[in-house]
N, C-alpha and C. Protein backbone atom coordinates (compact mmCIF):
# COMPACT_ATOMS: atom_id res chain seq x y z
N MET A 1 -13.21 -10.30 -7.01
CA MET A 1 -13.78 -9.66 -7.90
C MET A 1 -13.14 -8.41 -8.05
N THR A 2 -12.28 -8.07 -9.11
CA THR A 2 -12.00 -6.70 -8.42
C THR A 2 -12.40 -5.82 -9.39
N GLN A 3 -12.34 -4.80 -8.75
CA GLN A 3 -13.19 -3.48 -9.19
C GLN A 3 -12.68 -2.76 -9.98
N SER A 4 -12.73 -2.15 -10.95
CA SER A 4 -11.87 -1.09 -11.38
C SER A 4 -12.55 0.06 -11.21
N PRO A 5 -11.39 1.12 -11.40
CA PRO A 5 -11.98 2.59 -10.58
C PRO A 5 -12.96 2.92 -11.67
N GLN A 6 -13.86 3.88 -11.21
CA GLN A 6 -14.40 4.60 -12.09
C GLN A 6 -14.23 6.04 -12.38
N PHE A 7 -13.95 6.18 -14.19
CA PHE A 7 -13.20 7.67 -14.32
C PHE A 7 -14.41 8.73 -14.86
N GLN A 8 -14.30 9.36 -14.62
CA GLN A 8 -15.17 11.20 -15.43
C GLN A 8 -13.69 11.78 -16.05
N SER A 9 -14.68 12.05 -17.37
CA SER A 9 -13.53 13.16 -18.15
C SER A 9 -13.74 13.92 -18.34
N ASN A 10 -13.31 15.73 -18.07
CA ASN A 10 -13.21 16.70 -18.12
C ASN A 10 -13.20 17.22 -19.34
N ALA A 11 -14.73 17.72 -19.95
CA ALA A 11 -14.78 18.11 -21.24
C ALA A 11 -13.66 19.09 -21.81
N GLN A 12 -13.61 19.68 -20.81
CA GLN A 12 -12.62 20.94 -21.51
C GLN A 12 -11.42 20.62 -21.39
N THR A 13 -10.84 19.85 -20.41
CA THR A 13 -9.57 19.98 -20.44
C THR A 13 -9.03 18.06 -20.33
N GLY A 14 -10.16 17.38 -20.68
CA GLY A 14 -9.75 16.04 -21.17
C GLY A 14 -9.16 15.25 -19.94
N ALA A 15 -8.98 15.73 -18.26
CA ALA A 15 -8.05 14.92 -18.10
C ALA A 15 -9.72 14.08 -17.24
N ARG A 16 -8.76 12.90 -17.01
CA ARG A 16 -9.79 12.01 -16.15
C ARG A 16 -9.42 12.26 -14.51
N ARG A 17 -10.56 12.29 -13.82
CA ARG A 17 -10.15 12.31 -12.65
C ARG A 17 -12.05 11.16 -12.25
N MET A 18 -11.25 10.21 -11.11
CA MET A 18 -11.98 8.86 -10.46
C MET A 18 -13.55 9.78 -9.76
N THR A 19 -14.35 8.90 -10.12
CA THR A 19 -16.12 9.34 -9.19
C THR A 19 -15.73 9.19 -8.18
N VAL A 20 -16.03 9.51 -6.97
CA VAL A 20 -16.06 9.39 -5.68
C VAL A 20 -16.81 7.79 -5.22
N LYS A 21 -16.16 7.66 -4.44
CA LYS A 21 -17.09 5.84 -3.80
C LYS A 21 -16.60 5.99 -2.34
N ASN A 22 -17.74 5.99 -1.39
CA ASN A 22 -17.23 6.18 -0.16
C ASN A 22 -17.63 4.61 0.40
N TYR A 23 -18.05 3.61 0.17
CA TYR A 23 -18.01 2.82 0.62
C TYR A 23 -17.31 1.01 -0.24
N PHE A 24 -16.26 0.76 0.32
CA PHE A 24 -15.78 -0.48 -0.17
C PHE A 24 -15.81 -1.53 0.65
N PRO A 25 -16.92 -2.33 0.11
CA PRO A 25 -17.42 -3.88 0.60
C PRO A 25 -15.94 -4.95 0.72
N ALA A 26 -15.61 -5.41 2.31
CA ALA A 26 -14.62 -6.29 1.87
C ALA A 26 -14.13 -7.57 0.98
N GLY A 27 -15.59 -7.76 0.55
CA GLY A 27 -15.73 -8.81 -0.63
C GLY A 27 -15.36 -8.04 -1.61
N GLU A 28 -15.53 -7.08 -2.13
CA GLU A 28 -15.69 -6.67 -3.39
C GLU A 28 -14.23 -6.31 -3.99
N ASN A 29 -12.96 -6.49 -3.36
CA ASN A 29 -11.77 -6.54 -4.28
C ASN A 29 -10.96 -7.39 -3.79
N ALA A 30 -10.36 -8.26 -4.83
CA ALA A 30 -9.57 -9.70 -4.37
C ALA A 30 -8.10 -9.06 -3.80
N SER A 31 -7.45 -10.48 -3.51
CA SER A 31 -5.89 -10.24 -3.18
C SER A 31 -5.66 -10.19 -4.49
N PHE A 32 -4.24 -9.63 -4.37
CA PHE A 32 -3.55 -9.94 -5.85
C PHE A 32 -2.30 -10.43 -4.95
N ASP A 33 -1.51 -11.48 -5.36
CA ASP A 33 -0.68 -12.51 -5.58
C ASP A 33 0.91 -11.78 -5.93
N ALA A 34 1.50 -10.89 -4.97
CA ALA A 34 2.86 -10.05 -5.27
C ALA A 34 4.11 -10.95 -5.52
N GLY A 35 3.89 -12.13 -5.33
CA GLY A 35 5.04 -13.26 -5.26
C GLY A 35 5.31 -13.01 -4.19
N GLY A 36 6.37 -14.11 -4.12
CA GLY A 36 7.35 -14.08 -2.79
C GLY A 36 6.89 -14.02 -1.62
N GLY A 37 5.38 -14.38 -1.31
CA GLY A 37 5.16 -14.33 -0.11
C GLY A 37 4.39 -13.30 0.39
N LEU A 38 4.15 -12.61 -0.49
CA LEU A 38 3.69 -11.10 -0.46
C LEU A 38 2.35 -11.21 -0.98
N THR A 39 1.32 -10.72 -0.33
CA THR A 39 0.35 -9.98 -1.24
C THR A 39 -0.92 -9.38 -0.60
N ARG A 40 -1.27 -8.47 -1.69
CA ARG A 40 -2.01 -7.09 -1.08
C ARG A 40 -3.46 -7.31 -1.53
N LYS A 41 -4.08 -6.15 -0.73
CA LYS A 41 -5.38 -6.13 -1.11
C LYS A 41 -6.17 -4.56 -1.24
N VAL A 42 -6.43 -4.10 -2.01
CA VAL A 42 -6.66 -2.36 -2.00
C VAL A 42 -8.05 -2.22 -1.13
N ALA A 43 -7.96 -1.79 -0.04
CA ALA A 43 -8.98 -1.34 0.91
C ALA A 43 -9.84 -0.43 0.03
N ALA A 44 -9.08 0.59 -0.36
CA ALA A 44 -10.21 2.06 -0.15
C ALA A 44 -9.41 2.79 -1.45
N PHE A 45 -9.85 3.62 -1.94
CA PHE A 45 -8.97 4.54 -2.81
C PHE A 45 -9.98 5.70 -3.38
N ASN A 46 -9.11 7.21 -3.89
CA ASN A 46 -9.70 7.97 -4.62
C ASN A 46 -8.15 8.57 -5.14
N ASP A 47 -8.51 10.16 -5.75
CA ASP A 47 -7.01 10.08 -6.55
C ASP A 47 -6.18 10.63 -5.42
N ASN A 48 -6.21 11.30 -4.03
CA ASN A 48 -5.37 11.90 -3.37
C ASN A 48 -5.09 10.56 -2.23
N LEU A 49 -5.28 9.62 -2.30
CA LEU A 49 -5.39 8.68 -0.88
C LEU A 49 -5.73 6.82 -1.30
N MET A 50 -4.78 6.09 -0.97
CA MET A 50 -5.20 5.15 -0.90
C MET A 50 -4.91 3.98 0.24
N CYS A 51 -5.74 3.28 0.63
CA CYS A 51 -5.59 2.45 1.74
C CYS A 51 -5.60 0.32 1.27
N VAL A 52 -3.94 0.15 1.69
CA VAL A 52 -4.16 -1.35 1.44
C VAL A 52 -3.22 -2.29 2.34
N GLU A 53 -3.97 -3.44 2.19
CA GLU A 53 -3.86 -4.17 2.82
C GLU A 53 -2.80 -5.07 2.89
N VAL A 54 -1.99 -5.57 3.31
CA VAL A 54 -0.30 -6.04 2.90
C VAL A 54 -0.36 -7.36 3.75
N HIS A 55 -0.50 -8.80 3.24
CA HIS A 55 0.25 -9.89 4.02
C HIS A 55 1.50 -10.18 3.68
N PHE A 56 2.41 -10.45 4.47
CA PHE A 56 3.53 -11.20 4.33
C PHE A 56 3.51 -12.35 5.40
N GLU A 57 4.36 -13.34 4.28
CA GLU A 57 5.24 -14.61 5.29
C GLU A 57 6.28 -14.48 5.81
N THR A 58 6.47 -15.16 6.86
CA THR A 58 7.97 -15.17 7.49
C THR A 58 9.07 -15.35 6.66
N GLY A 59 9.81 -13.95 6.38
CA GLY A 59 10.95 -14.40 5.81
C GLY A 59 11.22 -13.69 4.14
N THR A 60 9.85 -13.07 4.41
CA THR A 60 9.09 -12.65 2.69
C THR A 60 9.76 -10.88 3.22
N THR A 61 10.84 -10.66 1.47
CA THR A 61 11.17 -9.31 1.35
C THR A 61 10.78 -8.16 0.31
N ALA A 62 10.73 -7.18 0.88
CA ALA A 62 9.72 -6.16 0.32
C ALA A 62 11.42 -5.30 -0.08
N PRO A 63 11.82 -5.95 -1.43
CA PRO A 63 13.08 -5.21 -1.98
C PRO A 63 13.29 -3.62 -1.28
N LEU A 64 14.54 -3.11 -1.19
CA LEU A 64 14.50 -1.92 -1.24
C LEU A 64 14.07 -1.05 -2.43
N HIS A 65 13.20 0.00 -2.96
CA HIS A 65 12.63 0.37 -3.40
C HIS A 65 12.34 1.73 -3.23
N HIS A 66 11.49 3.04 -4.24
CA HIS A 66 11.43 4.17 -3.62
C HIS A 66 10.13 4.68 -4.94
N HIS A 67 9.21 5.69 -4.69
CA HIS A 67 8.27 5.46 -5.59
C HIS A 67 8.07 7.27 -4.96
N PRO A 68 7.35 7.95 -6.19
CA PRO A 68 6.95 9.56 -5.93
C PRO A 68 5.90 10.04 -4.56
N HIS A 69 4.93 8.49 -4.04
CA HIS A 69 4.37 8.77 -3.14
C HIS A 69 4.45 9.19 -1.78
N GLU A 70 4.07 9.73 -1.03
CA GLU A 70 4.08 9.69 0.53
C GLU A 70 3.35 8.34 0.94
N GLN A 71 3.81 7.68 2.10
CA GLN A 71 3.36 5.97 2.58
C GLN A 71 3.75 6.45 4.53
N ILE A 72 3.10 5.70 4.91
CA ILE A 72 2.58 5.59 6.44
C ILE A 72 2.09 4.36 6.39
N THR A 73 3.09 3.06 6.95
CA THR A 73 2.93 2.24 7.31
C THR A 73 2.46 1.54 8.76
N TYR A 74 1.47 0.90 8.59
CA TYR A 74 0.73 0.87 10.26
C TYR A 74 1.30 -0.90 10.45
N VAL A 75 1.54 -1.28 11.35
CA VAL A 75 1.85 -2.78 11.37
C VAL A 75 0.75 -3.61 12.40
N ILE A 76 -0.10 -4.16 11.57
CA ILE A 76 -1.16 -4.90 12.46
C ILE A 76 -0.93 -5.67 12.94
N SER A 77 -0.21 -6.87 12.65
CA SER A 77 0.41 -7.80 13.25
C SER A 77 1.80 -8.32 12.65
N GLY A 78 2.49 -9.60 13.74
CA GLY A 78 3.74 -9.71 12.69
C GLY A 78 4.83 -8.96 13.26
N ARG A 79 5.95 -8.84 13.12
CA ARG A 79 7.28 -8.57 13.11
C ARG A 79 8.17 -8.38 11.85
N PHE A 80 8.55 -6.85 11.67
CA PHE A 80 8.95 -6.63 10.70
C PHE A 80 10.82 -5.81 10.81
N GLU A 81 11.22 -5.82 9.84
CA GLU A 81 12.77 -5.14 10.09
C GLU A 81 12.00 -4.51 8.63
N PHE A 82 11.99 -2.82 9.17
CA PHE A 82 12.50 -1.53 8.20
C PHE A 82 13.19 -0.89 7.58
N THR A 83 13.88 -0.81 7.00
CA THR A 83 14.77 0.10 6.63
C THR A 83 14.03 1.26 5.70
N VAL A 84 14.64 2.49 5.89
CA VAL A 84 13.97 3.61 5.54
C VAL A 84 14.94 4.75 5.67
N GLY A 85 15.35 5.09 4.71
CA GLY A 85 16.76 5.99 4.50
C GLY A 85 17.61 5.24 4.92
N GLU A 86 18.56 5.96 5.46
CA GLU A 86 19.59 5.38 6.05
C GLU A 86 19.30 4.18 7.18
N ARG A 87 18.22 4.74 8.27
CA ARG A 87 18.31 3.70 9.22
C ARG A 87 17.39 2.67 9.04
N THR A 88 17.10 1.85 9.88
CA THR A 88 16.92 0.33 9.87
C THR A 88 16.29 0.35 11.50
N TYR A 89 14.64 -0.05 11.26
CA TYR A 89 14.02 -0.37 12.56
C TYR A 89 13.38 -1.95 12.50
N GLU A 90 13.26 -2.49 13.64
CA GLU A 90 12.14 -3.59 14.17
C GLU A 90 10.99 -3.39 14.71
N VAL A 91 10.19 -3.42 13.97
CA VAL A 91 8.78 -3.01 14.71
C VAL A 91 7.55 -4.69 14.75
N GLY A 92 6.59 -3.79 15.56
CA GLY A 92 5.36 -4.84 15.86
C GLY A 92 3.96 -4.03 15.84
N PRO A 93 3.35 -4.98 16.10
CA PRO A 93 1.58 -4.27 15.74
C PRO A 93 1.90 -2.98 16.88
N GLY A 94 1.29 -2.09 16.48
CA GLY A 94 0.73 -0.96 17.02
C GLY A 94 1.79 -0.08 16.61
N ASP A 95 3.20 -0.02 15.72
CA ASP A 95 4.11 0.55 15.06
C ASP A 95 3.57 1.09 13.84
N SER A 96 4.09 2.30 13.40
CA SER A 96 4.13 2.89 12.28
C SER A 96 5.06 3.65 12.18
N LEU A 97 5.34 3.67 10.44
CA LEU A 97 6.12 4.53 9.91
C LEU A 97 6.08 5.29 8.96
N TYR A 98 6.89 6.42 8.68
CA TYR A 98 6.58 6.74 7.51
C TYR A 98 7.60 7.12 6.32
N LYS A 99 7.16 7.19 5.14
CA LYS A 99 8.18 7.48 4.00
C LYS A 99 7.75 8.46 3.35
N GLN A 100 8.88 9.78 3.17
CA GLN A 100 8.58 10.35 2.17
C GLN A 100 8.77 10.36 0.58
N PRO A 101 8.23 10.87 0.13
CA PRO A 101 8.21 10.79 -1.95
C PRO A 101 9.72 10.18 -2.16
N ASP A 102 10.06 9.42 -2.40
CA ASP A 102 11.06 9.09 -3.68
C ASP A 102 12.28 8.43 -2.11
N ILE A 103 12.12 8.54 -1.30
CA ILE A 103 13.07 7.77 0.06
C ILE A 103 13.10 6.25 -0.35
N VAL A 104 14.30 5.89 -0.34
CA VAL A 104 14.26 4.42 -0.37
C VAL A 104 14.09 3.88 0.75
N HIS A 105 13.48 2.26 0.89
CA HIS A 105 12.67 2.01 1.47
C HIS A 105 12.66 0.24 1.21
N GLY A 106 12.64 -0.49 2.18
CA GLY A 106 12.42 -2.20 2.16
C GLY A 106 11.77 -2.52 3.24
N ALA A 107 11.53 -3.86 3.03
CA ALA A 107 11.57 -4.34 4.55
C ALA A 107 11.31 -6.07 4.41
N THR A 108 12.01 -6.74 5.63
CA THR A 108 11.65 -8.34 5.41
C THR A 108 10.79 -8.21 6.77
N CYS A 109 10.30 -9.43 6.33
CA CYS A 109 8.73 -10.05 7.76
C CYS A 109 9.85 -11.17 8.40
N LEU A 110 10.06 -11.17 9.99
CA LEU A 110 10.75 -11.68 10.75
C LEU A 110 9.75 -12.74 11.02
N GLU A 111 8.49 -12.17 10.82
CA GLU A 111 7.44 -12.90 11.78
C GLU A 111 6.08 -12.93 11.10
N ALA A 112 5.28 -13.55 9.97
CA ALA A 112 4.40 -13.07 9.27
C ALA A 112 3.44 -12.20 9.93
N GLY A 113 2.87 -11.32 9.11
CA GLY A 113 1.81 -10.58 9.60
C GLY A 113 1.18 -9.71 8.62
N THR A 114 0.74 -8.61 9.50
CA THR A 114 -0.08 -7.94 8.30
C THR A 114 -0.25 -6.34 8.54
N LEU A 115 0.20 -5.78 7.23
CA LEU A 115 0.46 -4.24 7.13
C LEU A 115 -0.43 -3.31 6.82
N LEU A 116 -0.68 -2.04 7.34
CA LEU A 116 -1.86 -1.46 6.55
C LEU A 116 -0.96 -0.04 5.80
N ASP A 117 -0.72 -0.13 4.61
CA ASP A 117 0.03 0.92 3.93
C ASP A 117 -1.35 1.92 3.31
N LEU A 118 -1.19 3.29 4.20
CA LEU A 118 -1.33 4.09 3.09
C LEU A 118 -0.56 5.19 1.99
N PHE A 119 -1.21 6.01 0.90
CA PHE A 119 -0.37 6.36 0.12
C PHE A 119 -0.89 7.43 -0.24
N THR A 120 -0.35 8.66 -0.16
CA THR A 120 -1.04 9.93 -1.39
C THR A 120 0.03 10.07 -2.64
N PRO A 121 -0.43 10.35 -3.74
CA PRO A 121 -1.65 10.40 -4.01
C PRO A 121 -1.44 8.36 -4.32
N HIS A 122 -3.05 8.35 -4.90
CA HIS A 122 -2.92 6.70 -4.99
C HIS A 122 -2.11 6.36 -5.79
N ARG A 123 -1.75 4.68 -5.51
CA ARG A 123 -0.78 4.42 -6.56
C ARG A 123 -1.10 3.43 -7.75
N GLU A 124 -1.55 4.17 -8.52
CA GLU A 124 -2.20 3.63 -10.31
C GLU A 124 -1.48 2.48 -10.13
N ASP A 125 -0.55 2.08 -9.89
CA ASP A 125 -0.13 0.57 -10.37
C ASP A 125 -0.95 -0.73 -9.67
N PHE A 126 -1.15 -0.11 -8.66
CA PHE A 126 -2.14 -1.25 -7.51
C PHE A 126 -3.44 -1.54 -8.25
N LEU A 127 -3.69 -0.42 -9.24
CA LEU A 127 -5.20 -0.98 -9.69
C LEU A 127 -5.04 -1.53 -11.11
């Protein structure tokens, strides 16, 4: 079961803002099959921050892309080759990567594993 975010509208401006939620039980949000051996599960989020668990099968590629969000990736398990800007890194458990807004980045999974991605602000397209 995937939970939709709860929104409040500002009566004066009409702007929408998510209501604050402090607890996100593991079984509440379903994994999303992004295709090609990649699945992701939104763990927790609010307007300014999002935590996403990402599972890769060996050989899966996240093509080079960019987005306006800041992103930190923490490697929980597996081995990956990440390109961030002009550099490529081979990373494993305990390693982290930072991606500033709009930098081109992508990854290839060398050994099946799990990443924890943090985004600011949250990724609306993941909800």
